[in-house]
N, C-alpha and C. Protein backbone atom coordinates (compact mmCIF):
# COMPACT_ATOMS: atom_id res chain seq x y z
N UNK A 1 -14.41 -30.71 20.47
CA UNK A 1 -13.61 -29.51 20.26
C UNK A 1 -14.55 -28.32 20.13
N UNK A 2 -14.23 -27.29 20.84
CA UNK A 2 -15.00 -26.04 20.77
C UNK A 2 -14.86 -25.45 19.37
N UNK A 3 -15.97 -24.99 18.80
CA UNK A 3 -15.93 -24.45 17.43
C UNK A 3 -15.07 -23.20 17.32
N UNK A 4 -14.77 -22.57 18.44
CA UNK A 4 -13.94 -21.35 18.41
C UNK A 4 -12.45 -21.66 18.51
N UNK A 5 -12.09 -22.88 18.82
CA UNK A 5 -10.69 -23.24 18.92
C UNK A 5 -10.08 -23.36 17.53
N UNK A 6 -8.85 -22.91 17.42
CA UNK A 6 -8.15 -23.02 16.15
C UNK A 6 -7.59 -24.42 15.99
N UNK A 7 -7.60 -24.90 14.78
CA UNK A 7 -7.08 -26.23 14.50
C UNK A 7 -5.91 -26.07 13.54
N UNK A 8 -4.81 -26.71 13.85
CA UNK A 8 -3.65 -26.68 12.98
C UNK A 8 -3.84 -27.67 11.85
N UNK A 9 -3.65 -27.20 10.64
CA UNK A 9 -3.78 -28.06 9.47
C UNK A 9 -2.40 -28.17 8.83
N UNK A 10 -1.84 -29.37 8.77
CA UNK A 10 -0.53 -29.50 8.15
C UNK A 10 -0.62 -29.25 6.64
N UNK A 11 0.33 -28.46 6.15
CA UNK A 11 0.38 -28.15 4.71
C UNK A 11 1.73 -28.61 4.19
N UNK A 12 1.74 -29.40 3.13
CA UNK A 12 3.02 -29.85 2.57
C UNK A 12 3.90 -28.65 2.20
N UNK A 13 5.19 -28.81 2.40
CA UNK A 13 6.14 -27.73 2.16
C UNK A 13 6.07 -27.22 0.72
N UNK A 14 5.94 -28.12 -0.24
CA UNK A 14 5.87 -27.71 -1.64
C UNK A 14 4.64 -26.85 -1.89
N UNK A 15 3.51 -27.26 -1.33
CA UNK A 15 2.27 -26.49 -1.48
C UNK A 15 2.41 -25.12 -0.82
N UNK A 16 3.02 -25.09 0.36
CA UNK A 16 3.23 -23.82 1.05
C UNK A 16 4.11 -22.90 0.21
N UNK A 17 5.15 -23.47 -0.40
CA UNK A 17 6.02 -22.69 -1.27
C UNK A 17 5.26 -22.12 -2.46
N UNK A 18 4.37 -22.93 -3.04
CA UNK A 18 3.55 -22.47 -4.16
C UNK A 18 2.62 -21.34 -3.72
N UNK A 19 2.03 -21.50 -2.54
CA UNK A 19 1.14 -20.45 -2.01
C UNK A 19 1.91 -19.16 -1.76
N UNK A 20 3.11 -19.28 -1.22
CA UNK A 20 3.94 -18.10 -0.96
C UNK A 20 4.32 -17.40 -2.26
N UNK A 21 4.68 -18.17 -3.26
CA UNK A 21 5.03 -17.60 -4.56
C UNK A 21 3.83 -16.88 -5.18
N UNK A 22 2.65 -17.49 -5.08
CA UNK A 22 1.44 -16.85 -5.61
C UNK A 22 1.15 -15.55 -4.88
N UNK A 23 1.33 -15.55 -3.57
CA UNK A 23 1.11 -14.34 -2.78
C UNK A 23 2.08 -13.23 -3.21
N UNK A 24 3.35 -13.59 -3.38
CA UNK A 24 4.35 -12.60 -3.78
C UNK A 24 4.05 -12.03 -5.16
N UNK A 25 3.61 -12.88 -6.07
CA UNK A 25 3.25 -12.40 -7.41
C UNK A 25 2.03 -11.49 -7.34
N UNK A 26 1.06 -11.85 -6.50
CA UNK A 26 -0.14 -11.02 -6.35
C UNK A 26 0.25 -9.64 -5.80
N UNK A 27 1.12 -9.61 -4.80
CA UNK A 27 1.56 -8.34 -4.23
C UNK A 27 2.25 -7.47 -5.28
N UNK A 28 3.11 -8.07 -6.08
CA UNK A 28 3.81 -7.34 -7.13
C UNK A 28 2.81 -6.79 -8.15
N UNK A 29 1.87 -7.63 -8.56
CA UNK A 29 0.84 -7.19 -9.50
C UNK A 29 0.03 -6.04 -8.91
N UNK A 30 -0.38 -6.20 -7.66
CA UNK A 30 -1.21 -5.20 -7.00
C UNK A 30 -0.49 -3.85 -6.95
N UNK A 31 0.79 -3.86 -6.59
CA UNK A 31 1.58 -2.62 -6.55
C UNK A 31 1.69 -1.99 -7.93
N UNK A 32 1.98 -2.79 -8.93
CA UNK A 32 2.14 -2.27 -10.29
C UNK A 32 0.81 -1.75 -10.84
N UNK A 33 -0.29 -2.44 -10.51
CA UNK A 33 -1.60 -2.00 -10.99
C UNK A 33 -1.99 -0.68 -10.33
N UNK A 34 -1.70 -0.55 -9.05
CA UNK A 34 -1.98 0.71 -8.36
C UNK A 34 -1.17 1.85 -8.98
N UNK A 35 0.10 1.60 -9.26
CA UNK A 35 0.93 2.61 -9.93
C UNK A 35 0.34 3.01 -11.27
N UNK A 36 -0.11 2.02 -12.02
CA UNK A 36 -0.71 2.29 -13.34
C UNK A 36 -1.96 3.16 -13.19
N UNK A 37 -2.82 2.79 -12.24
CA UNK A 37 -4.05 3.56 -12.05
C UNK A 37 -3.75 5.01 -11.65
N UNK A 38 -2.80 5.20 -10.75
CA UNK A 38 -2.45 6.56 -10.34
C UNK A 38 -1.81 7.34 -11.48
N UNK A 39 -0.97 6.69 -12.25
CA UNK A 39 -0.31 7.36 -13.38
C UNK A 39 -1.31 7.72 -14.47
N UNK A 40 -2.46 7.08 -14.47
CA UNK A 40 -3.49 7.35 -15.47
C UNK A 40 -4.53 8.37 -14.99
N UNK A 41 -4.41 8.79 -13.75
CA UNK A 41 -5.40 9.69 -13.14
C UNK A 41 -4.91 11.13 -13.26
N UNK A 42 -5.51 11.89 -14.16
CA UNK A 42 -5.06 13.26 -14.42
C UNK A 42 -5.19 14.15 -13.19
N UNK A 43 -6.24 13.97 -12.40
CA UNK A 43 -6.41 14.78 -11.19
C UNK A 43 -5.30 14.49 -10.19
N UNK A 44 -4.98 13.21 -10.03
CA UNK A 44 -3.91 12.83 -9.11
C UNK A 44 -2.57 13.41 -9.56
N UNK A 45 -2.28 13.30 -10.84
CA UNK A 45 -1.01 13.82 -11.38
C UNK A 45 -0.92 15.32 -11.14
N UNK A 46 -2.00 16.04 -11.37
CA UNK A 46 -2.00 17.49 -11.16
C UNK A 46 -1.77 17.84 -9.69
N UNK A 47 -2.40 17.09 -8.79
CA UNK A 47 -2.19 17.32 -7.36
C UNK A 47 -0.73 17.08 -6.98
N UNK A 48 -0.13 16.04 -7.54
CA UNK A 48 1.26 15.73 -7.23
C UNK A 48 2.19 16.81 -7.77
N UNK A 49 1.90 17.32 -8.95
CA UNK A 49 2.71 18.40 -9.53
C UNK A 49 2.61 19.66 -8.67
N UNK A 50 1.40 19.97 -8.24
CA UNK A 50 1.19 21.14 -7.39
C UNK A 50 1.93 20.98 -6.07
N UNK A 51 1.82 19.82 -5.46
CA UNK A 51 2.49 19.56 -4.19
C UNK A 51 4.00 19.64 -4.35
N UNK A 52 4.52 19.11 -5.43
CA UNK A 52 5.97 19.16 -5.68
C UNK A 52 6.44 20.60 -5.86
N UNK A 53 5.68 21.38 -6.60
CA UNK A 53 6.02 22.79 -6.82
C UNK A 53 6.02 23.55 -5.49
N UNK A 54 5.00 23.33 -4.68
CA UNK A 54 4.93 23.98 -3.37
C UNK A 54 6.11 23.58 -2.50
N UNK A 55 6.46 22.32 -2.53
CA UNK A 55 7.59 21.83 -1.74
C UNK A 55 8.89 22.49 -2.19
N UNK A 56 9.11 22.55 -3.49
CA UNK A 56 10.33 23.17 -4.02
C UNK A 56 10.39 24.66 -3.70
N UNK A 57 9.23 25.30 -3.57
CA UNK A 57 9.17 26.72 -3.23
C UNK A 57 9.24 26.96 -1.73
N UNK A 58 9.44 25.91 -0.96
CA UNK A 58 9.56 26.04 0.48
C UNK A 58 8.23 26.15 1.21
N UNK A 59 7.16 25.88 0.53
CA UNK A 59 5.83 25.95 1.14
C UNK A 59 5.55 24.63 1.85
N UNK A 60 6.20 24.47 2.99
CA UNK A 60 6.07 23.23 3.75
C UNK A 60 5.56 23.55 5.15
N UNK A 61 5.02 22.52 5.81
CA UNK A 61 4.52 22.69 7.18
C UNK A 61 5.13 21.60 8.05
N UNK A 62 5.31 21.92 9.30
CA UNK A 62 5.83 20.96 10.26
C UNK A 62 4.80 19.85 10.48
N UNK A 63 5.24 18.62 10.36
CA UNK A 63 4.34 17.47 10.46
C UNK A 63 3.67 17.40 11.83
N UNK A 64 4.41 17.68 12.89
CA UNK A 64 3.83 17.60 14.23
C UNK A 64 2.71 18.62 14.42
N UNK A 65 2.90 19.82 13.89
CA UNK A 65 1.86 20.85 13.98
C UNK A 65 0.64 20.44 13.16
N UNK A 66 0.87 19.92 11.98
CA UNK A 66 -0.23 19.46 11.13
C UNK A 66 -1.03 18.36 11.82
N UNK A 67 -0.34 17.42 12.46
CA UNK A 67 -1.02 16.34 13.17
C UNK A 67 -1.90 16.90 14.29
N UNK A 68 -1.39 17.89 15.02
CA UNK A 68 -2.17 18.50 16.10
C UNK A 68 -3.41 19.19 15.54
N UNK A 69 -3.27 19.85 14.42
CA UNK A 69 -4.40 20.56 13.81
C UNK A 69 -5.48 19.58 13.34
N UNK A 70 -5.08 18.40 12.95
CA UNK A 70 -6.02 17.42 12.43
C UNK A 70 -6.77 16.66 13.53
N UNK A 71 -6.34 16.81 14.76
CA UNK A 71 -6.99 16.09 15.88
C UNK A 71 -8.26 16.76 16.29
């Protein structure tokens, strides 16, 4: 067998279910941890407040124009 060929490894359904559950829990933790870190970052919070204020004041830009400017 060529070392570059993929080999299928059978995984018991129960083990696969456990792996899937662990993955889902990791994703949930990762999302919540990221939220915590951002909520604890004073610079980030200030930027979000400024952006929200600008948005409410109508200080918005067309996304397509912004994309063109960034190219």
